[in-house]
Amino acid sequence: MKKRIAGVLAASVVAVTAFSGAAAMASSGDQEGGATGPGVAEAKAAAVRETGGTVNAVERDTENGATWEVEVTRPDGSVADVRLDANAKVIVVETDTETESAR
């Protein structure tokens, strides 16, 4: 009986730990498109000004020295990743080949 209770308790601890970790990740804004906090609105606005498109997702990024990566759909339907620095200055605009190949 004690072994069964210990097993149930251990399984409960694992389940609670896994749920807590997932909840923490979701609230941290680190999942794709879920960036939050200061600078997000500015990054979105700069990406829209640069491409004329609509924002699909925003995430933190370090590629090419960027702070933000904003995925946008351009008016022609193509998808691009706009990488911006901490001041929302555009560093590079790249065609999003992952999205393009999925179409």
PDB file of N, CA and C in Angstrom:
ATOM      1  N   MET A   1       0.830  -1.193   0.000  1.00  0.00           N
ATOM      2  CA  MET A   1       0.000   0.000   0.000  1.00  0.00           C
ATOM      3  C   MET A   1       0.872   1.254   0.000  1.00  0.00           C
ATOM      4  N   LYS A   2       1.941   1.263   0.818  1.00  0.00           N
ATOM      5  CA  LYS A   2       2.810   2.438   0.889  1.00  0.00           C
ATOM      6  C   LYS A   2       3.516   2.667  -0.450  1.00  0.00           C
ATOM      7  N   LYS A   3       3.883   1.577  -1.132  1.00  0.00           N
ATOM      8  CA  LYS A   3       4.541   1.717  -2.429  1.00  0.00           C
ATOM      9  C   LYS A   3       3.580   2.330  -3.443  1.00  0.00           C
ATOM     10  N   ARG A   4       2.313   1.943  -3.393  1.00  0.00           N
ATOM     11  CA  ARG A   4       1.317   2.470  -4.324  1.00  0.00           C
ATOM     12  C   ARG A   4       1.115   3.967  -4.082  1.00  0.00           C
ATOM     13  N   ILE A   5       1.011   4.372  -2.822  1.00  0.00           N
ATOM     14  CA  ILE A   5       0.844   5.785  -2.489  1.00  0.00           C
ATOM     15  C   ILE A   5       2.076   6.579  -2.918  1.00  0.00           C
ATOM     16  N   ALA A   6       3.260   6.021  -2.686  1.00  0.00           N
ATOM     17  CA  ALA A   6       4.494   6.691  -3.085  1.00  0.00           C
ATOM     18  C   ALA A   6       4.535   6.865  -4.608  1.00  0.00           C
ATOM     19  N   GLY A   7       4.075   5.853  -5.341  1.00  0.00           N
ATOM     20  CA  GLY A   7       4.048   5.934  -6.799  1.00  0.00           C
ATOM     21  C   GLY A   7       3.078   6.997  -7.292  1.00  0.00           C
ATOM     22  N   VAL A   8       1.913   7.065  -6.669  1.00  0.00           N
ATOM     23  CA  VAL A   8       0.917   8.073  -7.042  1.00  0.00           C
ATOM     24  C   VAL A   8       1.445   9.470  -6.731  1.00  0.00           C
ATOM     25  N   LEU A   9       2.066   9.622  -5.579  1.00  0.00           N
ATOM     26  CA  LEU A   9       2.640  10.920  -5.217  1.00  0.00           C
ATOM     27  C   LEU A   9       3.738  11.327  -6.184  1.00  0.00           C
ATOM     28  N   ALA A  10       4.595  10.404  -6.539  1.00  0.00           N
ATOM     29  CA  ALA A  10       5.680  10.704  -7.476  1.00  0.00           C
ATOM     30  C   ALA A  10       5.118  11.115  -8.835  1.00  0.00           C
ATOM     31  N   ALA A  11       4.109  10.410  -9.306  1.00  0.00           N
ATOM     32  CA  ALA A  11       3.487  10.744 -10.585  1.00  0.00           C
ATOM     33  C   ALA A  11       2.821  12.114 -10.517  1.00  0.00           C
ATOM     34  N   SER A  12       2.214  12.433  -9.397  1.00  0.00           N
ATOM     35  CA  SER A  12       1.581  13.742  -9.227  1.00  0.00           C
ATOM     36  C   SER A  12       2.607  14.860  -9.252  1.00  0.00           C
ATOM     37  N   VAL A  13       3.734  14.634  -8.591  1.00  0.00           N
ATOM     38  CA  VAL A  13       4.793  15.649  -8.573  1.00  0.00           C
ATOM     39  C   VAL A  13       5.319  15.879  -9.989  1.00  0.00           C
ATOM     40  N   VAL A  14       5.514  14.817 -10.746  1.00  0.00           N
ATOM     41  CA  VAL A  14       5.987  14.946 -12.127  1.00  0.00           C
ATOM     42  C   VAL A  14       4.978  15.719 -12.957  1.00  0.00           C
ATOM     43  N   ALA A  15       3.701  15.408 -12.820  1.00  0.00           N
ATOM     44  CA  ALA A  15       2.661  16.085 -13.598  1.00  0.00           C
ATOM     45  C   ALA A  15       2.590  17.564 -13.241  1.00  0.00           C
ATOM     46  N   VAL A  16       2.631  17.894 -11.964  1.00  0.00           N
ATOM     47  CA  VAL A  16       2.574  19.289 -11.526  1.00  0.00           C
ATOM     48  C   VAL A  16       3.808  20.049 -12.009  1.00  0.00           C
ATOM     49  N   THR A  17       4.961  19.427 -11.923  1.00  0.00           N
ATOM     50  CA  THR A  17       6.197  20.070 -12.381  1.00  0.00           C
ATOM     51  C   THR A  17       6.142  20.347 -13.873  1.00  0.00           C
ATOM     52  N   ALA A  18       5.679  19.380 -14.651  1.00  0.00           N
ATOM     53  CA  ALA A  18       5.583  19.556 -16.098  1.00  0.00           C
ATOM     54  C   ALA A  18       4.592  20.669 -16.444  1.00  0.00           C
ATOM     55  N   PHE A  19       3.446  20.686 -15.773  1.00  0.00           N
ATOM     56  CA  PHE A  19       2.440  21.715 -16.015  1.00  0.00           C
ATOM     57  C   PHE A  19       2.974  23.087 -15.645  1.00  0.00           C
ATOM     58  N   SER A  20       3.661  23.194 -14.526  1.00  0.00           N
ATOM     59  CA  SER A  20       4.216  24.472 -14.079  1.00  0.00           C
ATOM     60  C   SER A  20       5.246  24.988 -15.072  1.00  0.00           C
ATOM     61  N   GLY A  21       6.089  24.104 -15.588  1.00  0.00           N
ATOM     62  CA  GLY A  21       7.089  24.505 -16.572  1.00  0.00           C
ATOM     63  C   GLY A  21       6.453  25.008 -17.851  1.00  0.00           C
ATOM     64  N   ALA A  22       5.416  24.325 -18.308  1.00  0.00           N
ATOM     65  CA  ALA A  22       4.727  24.753 -19.528  1.00  0.00           C
ATOM     66  C   ALA A  22       4.042  26.095 -19.320  1.00  0.00           C
ATOM     67  N   ALA A  23       3.427  26.276 -18.158  1.00  0.00           N
ATOM     68  CA  ALA A  23       2.765  27.543 -17.862  1.00  0.00           C
ATOM     69  C   ALA A  23       3.778  28.681 -17.775  1.00  0.00           C
ATOM     70  N   ALA A  24       4.916  28.421 -17.187  1.00  0.00           N
ATOM     71  CA  ALA A  24       5.950  29.450 -17.082  1.00  0.00           C
ATOM     72  C   ALA A  24       6.477  29.821 -18.454  1.00  0.00           C
ATOM     73  N   MET A  25       6.674  28.852 -19.330  1.00  0.00           N
ATOM     74  CA  MET A  25       7.167  29.143 -20.671  1.00  0.00           C
ATOM     75  C   MET A  25       6.137  29.957 -21.443  1.00  0.00           C
ATOM     76  N   ALA A  26       4.864  29.607 -21.308  1.00  0.00           N
ATOM     77  CA  ALA A  26       3.821  30.331 -22.024  1.00  0.00           C
ATOM     78  C   ALA A  26       3.728  31.778 -21.555  1.00  0.00           C
ATOM     79  N   SER A  27       3.930  32.021 -20.285  1.00  0.00           N
ATOM     80  CA  SER A  27       3.820  33.381 -19.786  1.00  0.00           C
ATOM     81  C   SER A  27       5.091  34.183 -19.986  1.00  0.00           C
ATOM     82  N   SER A  28       6.199  33.529 -20.319  1.00  0.00           N
ATOM     83  CA  SER A  28       7.458  34.251 -20.478  1.00  0.00           C
ATOM     84  C   SER A  28       7.559  34.967 -21.811  1.00  0.00           C
ATOM     85  N   GLY A  29       6.700  34.613 -22.765  1.00  0.00           N
ATOM     86  CA  GLY A  29       6.745  35.263 -24.059  1.00  0.00           C
ATOM     87  C   GLY A  29       7.854  34.748 -24.964  1.00  0.00           C
ATOM     88  N   ASP A  30       8.430  33.602 -24.666  1.00  0.00           N
ATOM     89  CA  ASP A  30       9.533  33.087 -25.464  1.00  0.00           C
ATOM     90  C   ASP A  30       9.091  32.130 -26.555  1.00  0.00           C
ATOM     91  N   GLN A  31       7.853  31.716 -26.565  1.00  0.00           N
ATOM     92  CA  GLN A  31       7.414  30.822 -27.619  1.00  0.00           C
ATOM     93  C   GLN A  31       7.201  31.632 -28.893  1.00  0.00           C
ATOM     94  N   GLU A  32       7.159  30.959 -30.032  1.00  0.00           N
ATOM     95  CA  GLU A  32       7.073  31.670 -31.302  1.00  0.00           C
ATOM     96  C   GLU A  32       5.879  32.599 -31.317  1.00  0.00           C
ATOM     97  N   GLY A  33       6.156  33.850 -31.674  1.00  0.00           N
ATOM     98  CA  GLY A  33       5.096  34.817 -31.827  1.00  0.00           C
ATOM     99  C   GLY A  33       4.531  35.344 -30.539  1.00  0.00           C
ATOM    100  N   GLY A  34       5.079  34.963 -29.419  1.00  0.00           N
ATOM    101  CA  GLY A  34       4.505  35.372 -28.162  1.00  0.00           C
ATOM    102  C   GLY A  34       5.318  36.396 -27.409  1.00  0.00           C
ATOM    103  N   ALA A  35       6.189  37.127 -28.046  1.00  0.00           N
ATOM    104  CA  ALA A  35       7.020  38.102 -27.346  1.00  0.00           C
ATOM    105  C   ALA A  35       6.139  39.183 -26.734  1.00  0.00           C
ATOM    106  N   THR A  36       6.492  39.589 -25.543  1.00  0.00           N
ATOM    107  CA  THR A  36       5.767  40.637 -24.846  1.00  0.00           C
ATOM    108  C   THR A  36       6.764  41.606 -24.234  1.00  0.00           C
ATOM    109  N   GLY A  37       6.260  42.693 -23.736  1.00  0.00           N
ATOM    110  CA  GLY A  37       7.102  43.628 -23.016  1.00  0.00           C
ATOM    111  C   GLY A  37       7.452  44.854 -23.828  1.00  0.00           C
ATOM    112  N   PRO A  38       8.315  45.682 -23.229  1.00  0.00           N
ATOM    113  CA  PRO A  38       8.704  46.928 -23.887  1.00  0.00           C
ATOM    114  C   PRO A  38       9.376  46.668 -25.232  1.00  0.00           C
ATOM    115  N   GLY A  39       9.009  47.441 -26.209  1.00  0.00           N
ATOM    116  CA  GLY A  39       9.638  47.331 -27.512  1.00  0.00           C
ATOM    117  C   GLY A  39       8.850  46.553 -28.544  1.00  0.00           C
ATOM    118  N   VAL A  40       7.903  45.739 -28.117  1.00  0.00           N
ATOM    119  CA  VAL A  40       7.164  44.907 -29.077  1.00  0.00           C
ATOM    120  C   VAL A  40       6.361  45.776 -30.044  1.00  0.00           C
ATOM    121  N   ALA A  41       5.631  46.744 -29.521  1.00  0.00           N
ATOM    122  CA  ALA A  41       4.799  47.600 -30.377  1.00  0.00           C
ATOM    123  C   ALA A  41       5.663  48.367 -31.381  1.00  0.00           C
ATOM    124  N   GLU A  42       6.808  48.853 -30.922  1.00  0.00           N
ATOM    125  CA  GLU A  42       7.705  49.588 -31.812  1.00  0.00           C
ATOM    126  C   GLU A  42       8.268  48.678 -32.903  1.00  0.00           C
ATOM    127  N   ALA A  43       8.628  47.453 -32.530  1.00  0.00           N
ATOM    128  CA  ALA A  43       9.155  46.500 -33.510  1.00  0.00           C
ATOM    129  C   ALA A  43       8.093  46.174 -34.557  1.00  0.00           C
ATOM    130  N   LYS A  44       6.860  45.952 -34.121  1.00  0.00           N
ATOM    131  CA  LYS A  44       5.772  45.669 -35.061  1.00  0.00           C
ATOM    132  C   LYS A  44       5.568  46.833 -36.019  1.00  0.00           C
ATOM    133  N   ALA A  45       5.503  48.043 -35.473  1.00  0.00           N
ATOM    134  CA  ALA A  45       5.261  49.223 -36.302  1.00  0.00           C
ATOM    135  C   ALA A  45       6.377  49.410 -37.332  1.00  0.00           C
ATOM    136  N   ALA A  46       7.616  49.220 -36.919  1.00  0.00           N
ATOM    137  CA  ALA A  46       8.749  49.377 -37.837  1.00  0.00           C
ATOM    138  C   ALA A  46       8.698  48.332 -38.946  1.00  0.00           C
ATOM    139  N   ALA A  47       8.330  47.094 -38.614  1.00  0.00           N
ATOM    140  CA  ALA A  47       8.243  46.032 -39.619  1.00  0.00           C
ATOM    141  C   ALA A  47       7.137  46.319 -40.627  1.00  0.00           C
ATOM    142  N   VAL A  48       6.022  46.838 -40.149  1.00  0.00           N
ATOM    143  CA  VAL A  48       4.915  47.183 -41.045  1.00  0.00           C
ATOM    144  C   VAL A  48       5.309  48.348 -41.949  1.00  0.00           C
ATOM    145  N   ARG A  49       5.967  49.360 -41.388  1.00  0.00           N
ATOM    146  CA  ARG A  49       6.439  50.489 -42.214  1.00  0.00           C
ATOM    147  C   ARG A  49       7.398  50.001 -43.306  1.00  0.00           C
ATOM    148  N   GLU A  50       8.279  49.086 -42.948  1.00  0.00           N
ATOM    149  CA  GLU A  50       9.294  48.597 -43.888  1.00  0.00           C
ATOM    150  C   GLU A  50       8.694  47.775 -45.022  1.00  0.00           C
ATOM    151  N   THR A  51       7.684  46.953 -44.706  1.00  0.00           N
ATOM    152  CA  THR A  51       7.173  45.991 -45.687  1.00  0.00           C
ATOM    153  C   THR A  51       5.787  46.319 -46.232  1.00  0.00           C
ATOM    154  N   GLY A  52       5.038  47.140 -45.505  1.00  0.00           N
ATOM    155  CA  GLY A  52       3.656  47.398 -45.902  1.00  0.00           C
ATOM    156  C   GLY A  52       2.740  46.228 -45.615  1.00  0.00           C
ATOM    157  N   GLY A  53       3.254  45.240 -44.887  1.00  0.00           N
ATOM    158  CA  GLY A  53       2.492  44.022 -44.619  1.00  0.00           C
ATOM    159  C   GLY A  53       1.764  44.031 -43.294  1.00  0.00           C
ATOM    160  N   THR A  54       1.333  42.848 -42.897  1.00  0.00           N
ATOM    161  CA  THR A  54       0.669  42.662 -41.612  1.00  0.00           C
ATOM    162  C   THR A  54       1.500  41.698 -40.768  1.00  0.00           C
ATOM    163  N   VAL A  55       1.507  41.930 -39.472  1.00  0.00           N
ATOM    164  CA  VAL A  55       2.323  41.142 -38.550  1.00  0.00           C
ATOM    165  C   VAL A  55       1.662  39.799 -38.260  1.00  0.00           C
ATOM    166  N   ASN A  56       2.449  38.729 -38.376  1.00  0.00           N
ATOM    167  CA  ASN A  56       2.001  37.382 -38.023  1.00  0.00           C
ATOM    168  C   ASN A  56       2.507  36.985 -36.642  1.00  0.00           C
ATOM    169  N   ALA A  57       3.764  37.344 -36.344  1.00  0.00           N
ATOM    170  CA  ALA A  57       4.384  36.900 -35.097  1.00  0.00           C
ATOM    171  C   ALA A  57       5.562  37.803 -34.760  1.00  0.00           C
ATOM    172  N   VAL A  58       5.852  37.891 -33.482  1.00  0.00           N
ATOM    173  CA  VAL A  58       7.018  38.641 -33.001  1.00  0.00           C
ATOM    174  C   VAL A  58       7.730  37.773 -31.985  1.00  0.00           C
ATOM    175  N   GLU A  59       9.049  37.709 -32.104  1.00  0.00           N
ATOM    176  CA  GLU A  59       9.820  36.965 -31.108  1.00  0.00           C
ATOM    177  C   GLU A  59      11.173  37.630 -30.919  1.00  0.00           C
ATOM    178  N   ARG A  60      11.783  37.336 -29.798  1.00  0.00           N
ATOM    179  CA  ARG A  60      13.140  37.820 -29.543  1.00  0.00           C
ATOM    180  C   ARG A  60      14.082  37.052 -30.463  1.00  0.00           C
ATOM    181  N   ASP A  61      15.163  37.723 -30.885  1.00  0.00           N
ATOM    182  CA  ASP A  61      16.067  37.107 -31.847  1.00  0.00           C
ATOM    183  C   ASP A  61      17.480  37.625 -31.604  1.00  0.00           C
ATOM    184  N   THR A  62      18.463  36.860 -32.029  1.00  0.00           N
ATOM    185  CA  THR A  62      19.850  37.315 -31.937  1.00  0.00           C
ATOM    186  C   THR A  62      20.564  37.190 -33.280  1.00  0.00           C
ATOM    187  N   GLU A  63      19.878  36.639 -34.271  1.00  0.00           N
ATOM    188  CA  GLU A  63      20.485  36.444 -35.583  1.00  0.00           C
ATOM    189  C   GLU A  63      20.789  37.797 -36.234  1.00  0.00           C
ATOM    190  N   ASN A  64      21.942  37.926 -36.826  1.00  0.00           N
ATOM    191  CA  ASN A  64      22.390  39.157 -37.506  1.00  0.00           C
ATOM    192  C   ASN A  64      22.479  40.335 -36.536  1.00  0.00           C
ATOM    193  N   GLY A  65      22.631  40.071 -35.252  1.00  0.00           N
ATOM    194  CA  GLY A  65      22.731  41.152 -34.273  1.00  0.00           C
ATOM    195  C   GLY A  65      21.388  41.755 -33.901  1.00  0.00           C
ATOM    196  N   ALA A  66      20.322  41.078 -34.245  1.00  0.00           N
ATOM    197  CA  ALA A  66      18.984  41.601 -33.984  1.00  0.00           C
ATOM    198  C   ALA A  66      18.552  41.387 -32.535  1.00  0.00           C
ATOM    199  N   THR A  67      17.554  42.145 -32.140  1.00  0.00           N
ATOM    200  CA  THR A  67      16.871  41.965 -30.863  1.00  0.00           C
ATOM    201  C   THR A  67      15.499  41.359 -31.100  1.00  0.00           C
ATOM    202  N   TRP A  68      14.877  41.744 -32.222  1.00  0.00           N
ATOM    203  CA  TRP A  68      13.527  41.292 -32.564  1.00  0.00           C
ATOM    204  C   TRP A  68      13.498  40.643 -33.938  1.00  0.00           C
ATOM    205  N   GLU A  69      12.622  39.674 -34.097  1.00  0.00           N
ATOM    206  CA  GLU A  69      12.267  39.139 -35.409  1.00  0.00           C
ATOM    207  C   GLU A  69      10.759  39.266 -35.529  1.00  0.00           C
ATOM    208  N   VAL A  70      10.325  39.970 -36.541  1.00  0.00           N
ATOM    209  CA  VAL A  70       8.895  40.148 -36.786  1.00  0.00           C
ATOM    210  C   VAL A  70       8.571  39.473 -38.111  1.00  0.00           C
ATOM    211  N   GLU A  71       7.687  38.488 -38.062  1.00  0.00           N
ATOM    212  CA  GLU A  71       7.244  37.824 -39.285  1.00  0.00           C
ATOM    213  C   GLU A  71       6.046  38.585 -39.827  1.00  0.00           C
ATOM    214  N   VAL A  72       6.106  38.956 -41.099  1.00  0.00           N
ATOM    215  CA  VAL A  72       5.021  39.703 -41.731  1.00  0.00           C
ATOM    216  C   VAL A  72       4.603  39.035 -43.029  1.00  0.00           C
ATOM    217  N   THR A  73       3.354  39.248 -43.382  1.00  0.00           N
ATOM    218  CA  THR A  73       2.869  38.863 -44.702  1.00  0.00           C
ATOM    219  C   THR A  73       2.761  40.141 -45.505  1.00  0.00           C
ATOM    220  N   ARG A  74       3.512  40.186 -46.596  1.00  0.00           N
ATOM    221  CA  ARG A  74       3.523  41.356 -47.471  1.00  0.00           C
ATOM    222  C   ARG A  74       2.219  41.428 -48.266  1.00  0.00           C
ATOM    223  N   PRO A  75       1.928  42.588 -48.833  1.00  0.00           N
ATOM    224  CA  PRO A  75       0.701  42.726 -49.628  1.00  0.00           C
ATOM    225  C   PRO A  75       0.600  41.727 -50.786  1.00  0.00           C
ATOM    226  N   ASP A  76       1.757  41.267 -51.307  1.00  0.00           N
ATOM    227  CA  ASP A  76       1.725  40.296 -52.410  1.00  0.00           C
ATOM    228  C   ASP A  76       1.543  38.852 -51.928  1.00  0.00           C
ATOM    229  N   GLY A  77       1.426  38.673 -50.595  1.00  0.00           N
ATOM    230  CA  GLY A  77       1.206  37.340 -50.028  1.00  0.00           C
ATOM    231  C   GLY A  77       2.468  36.630 -49.592  1.00  0.00           C
ATOM    232  N   SER A  78       3.628  37.153 -49.959  1.00  0.00           N
ATOM    233  CA  SER A  78       4.876  36.524 -49.517  1.00  0.00           C
ATOM    234  C   SER A  78       5.094  36.820 -48.029  1.00  0.00           C
ATOM    235  N   VAL A  79       5.846  35.967 -47.397  1.00  0.00           N
ATOM    236  CA  VAL A  79       6.117  36.112 -45.960  1.00  0.00           C
ATOM    237  C   VAL A  79       7.586  36.465 -45.784  1.00  0.00           C
ATOM    238  N   ALA A  80       7.842  37.405 -44.880  1.00  0.00           N
ATOM    239  CA  ALA A  80       9.215  37.847 -44.639  1.00  0.00           C
ATOM    240  C   ALA A  80       9.474  37.940 -43.141  1.00  0.00           C
ATOM    241  N   ASP A  81      10.736  37.754 -42.778  1.00  0.00           N
ATOM    242  CA  ASP A  81      11.197  37.975 -41.412  1.00  0.00           C
ATOM    243  C   ASP A  81      11.943  39.299 -41.407  1.00  0.00           C
ATOM    244  N   VAL A  82      11.474  40.219 -40.581  1.00  0.00           N
ATOM    245  CA  VAL A  82      12.132  41.511 -40.444  1.00  0.00           C
ATOM    246  C   VAL A  82      12.896  41.478 -39.127  1.00  0.00           C
ATOM    247  N   ARG A  83      14.208  41.615 -39.210  1.00  0.00           N
ATOM    248  CA  ARG A  83      15.039  41.613 -38.001  1.00  0.00           C
ATOM    249  C   ARG A  83      15.369  43.056 -37.658  1.00  0.00           C
ATOM    250  N   LEU A  84      15.162  43.389 -36.373  1.00  0.00           N
ATOM    251  CA  LEU A  84      15.352  44.755 -35.912  1.00  0.00           C
ATOM    252  C   LEU A  84      16.242  44.789 -34.684  1.00  0.00           C
ATOM    253  N   ASP A  85      16.910  45.929 -34.477  1.00  0.00           N
ATOM    254  CA  ASP A  85      17.730  46.078 -33.270  1.00  0.00           C
ATOM    255  C   ASP A  85      16.841  46.524 -32.097  1.00  0.00           C
ATOM    256  N   ALA A  86      17.458  46.784 -30.966  1.00  0.00           N
ATOM    257  CA  ALA A  86      16.719  47.149 -29.754  1.00  0.00           C
ATOM    258  C   ALA A  86      15.965  48.463 -29.896  1.00  0.00           C
ATOM    259  N   ASN A  87      16.375  49.295 -30.848  1.00  0.00           N
ATOM    260  CA  ASN A  87      15.710  50.582 -31.088  1.00  0.00           C
ATOM    261  C   ASN A  87      14.705  50.509 -32.231  1.00  0.00           C
ATOM    262  N   ALA A  88      14.355  49.315 -32.650  1.00  0.00           N
ATOM    263  CA  ALA A  88      13.404  49.060 -33.737  1.00  0.00           C
ATOM    264  C   ALA A  88      13.912  49.564 -35.086  1.00  0.00           C
ATOM    265  N   LYS A  89      15.222  49.594 -35.247  1.00  0.00           N
ATOM    266  CA  LYS A  89      15.819  49.935 -36.537  1.00  0.00           C
ATOM    267  C   LYS A  89      15.979  48.636 -37.325  1.00  0.00           C
ATOM    268  N   VAL A  90      15.524  48.636 -38.570  1.00  0.00           N
ATOM    269  CA  VAL A  90      15.580  47.441 -39.403  1.00  0.00           C
ATOM    270  C   VAL A  90      17.032  47.101 -39.714  1.00  0.00           C
ATOM    271  N   ILE A  91      17.389  45.842 -39.461  1.00  0.00           N
ATOM    272  CA  ILE A  91      18.722  45.328 -39.781  1.00  0.00           C
ATOM    273  C   ILE A  91      18.694  44.614 -41.121  1.00  0.00           C
ATOM    274  N   VAL A  92      17.710  43.738 -41.298  1.00  0.00           N
ATOM    275  CA  VAL A  92      17.604  42.969 -42.533  1.00  0.00           C
ATOM    276  C   VAL A  92      16.171  42.470 -42.692  1.00  0.00           C
ATOM    277  N   VAL A  93      15.754  42.331 -43.939  1.00  0.00           N
ATOM    278  CA  VAL A  93      14.464  41.724 -44.272  1.00  0.00           C
ATOM    279  C   VAL A  93      14.775  40.514 -45.126  1.00  0.00           C
ATOM    280  N   GLU A  94      14.307  39.354 -44.692  1.00  0.00           N
ATOM    281  CA  GLU A  94      14.585  38.106 -45.408  1.00  0.00           C
ATOM    282  C   GLU A  94      13.279  37.389 -45.730  1.00  0.00           C
ATOM    283  N   THR A  95      13.237  36.785 -46.905  1.00  0.00           N
ATOM    284  CA  THR A  95      12.089  35.955 -47.242  1.00  0.00           C
ATOM    285  C   THR A  95      12.064  34.776 -46.289  1.00  0.00           C
ATOM    286  N   ASP A  96      10.912  34.491 -45.757  1.00  0.00           N
ATOM    287  CA  ASP A  96      10.756  33.384 -44.812  1.00  0.00           C
ATOM    288  C   ASP A  96      10.605  32.101 -45.611  1.00  0.00           C
ATOM    289  N   THR A  97      11.724  31.409 -45.829  1.00  0.00           N
ATOM    290  CA  THR A  97      11.716  30.209 -46.668  1.00  0.00           C
ATOM    291  C   THR A  97      10.970  29.051 -46.030  1.00  0.00           C
ATOM    292  N   GLU A  98      10.928  28.993 -44.693  1.00  0.00           N
ATOM    293  CA  GLU A  98      10.182  27.917 -44.027  1.00  0.00           C
ATOM    294  C   GLU A  98       8.705  28.025 -44.368  1.00  0.00           C
ATOM    295  N   THR A  99       8.167  29.230 -44.294  1.00  0.00           N
ATOM    296  CA  THR A  99       6.756  29.439 -44.590  1.00  0.00           C
ATOM    297  C   THR A  99       6.494  29.280 -46.074  1.00  0.00           C
ATOM    298  N   GLU A 100       7.383  29.819 -46.890  1.00  0.00           N
ATOM    299  CA  GLU A 100       7.213  29.743 -48.332  1.00  0.00           C
ATOM    300  C   GLU A 100       7.191  28.303 -48.816  1.00  0.00           C
ATOM    301  N   SER A 101       8.051  27.449 -48.274  1.00  0.00           N
ATOM    302  CA  SER A 101       8.096  26.055 -48.727  1.00  0.00           C
ATOM    303  C   SER A 101       6.896  25.259 -48.252  1.00  0.00           C
ATOM    304  N   ALA A 102       6.226  25.759 -47.200  1.00  0.00           N
ATOM    305  CA  ALA A 102       5.072  25.053 -46.669  1.00  0.00           C
ATOM    306  C   ALA A 102       3.822  25.358 -47.492  1.00  0.00           C
ATOM    307  N   ARG A 103       3.877  26.381 -48.337  1.00  0.00           N
ATOM    308  CA  ARG A 103       2.686  26.766 -49.103  1.00  0.00           C
ATOM    309  C   ARG A 103       2.476  25.910 -50.300  1.00  0.00           C
TER     310      ARG A 103
END
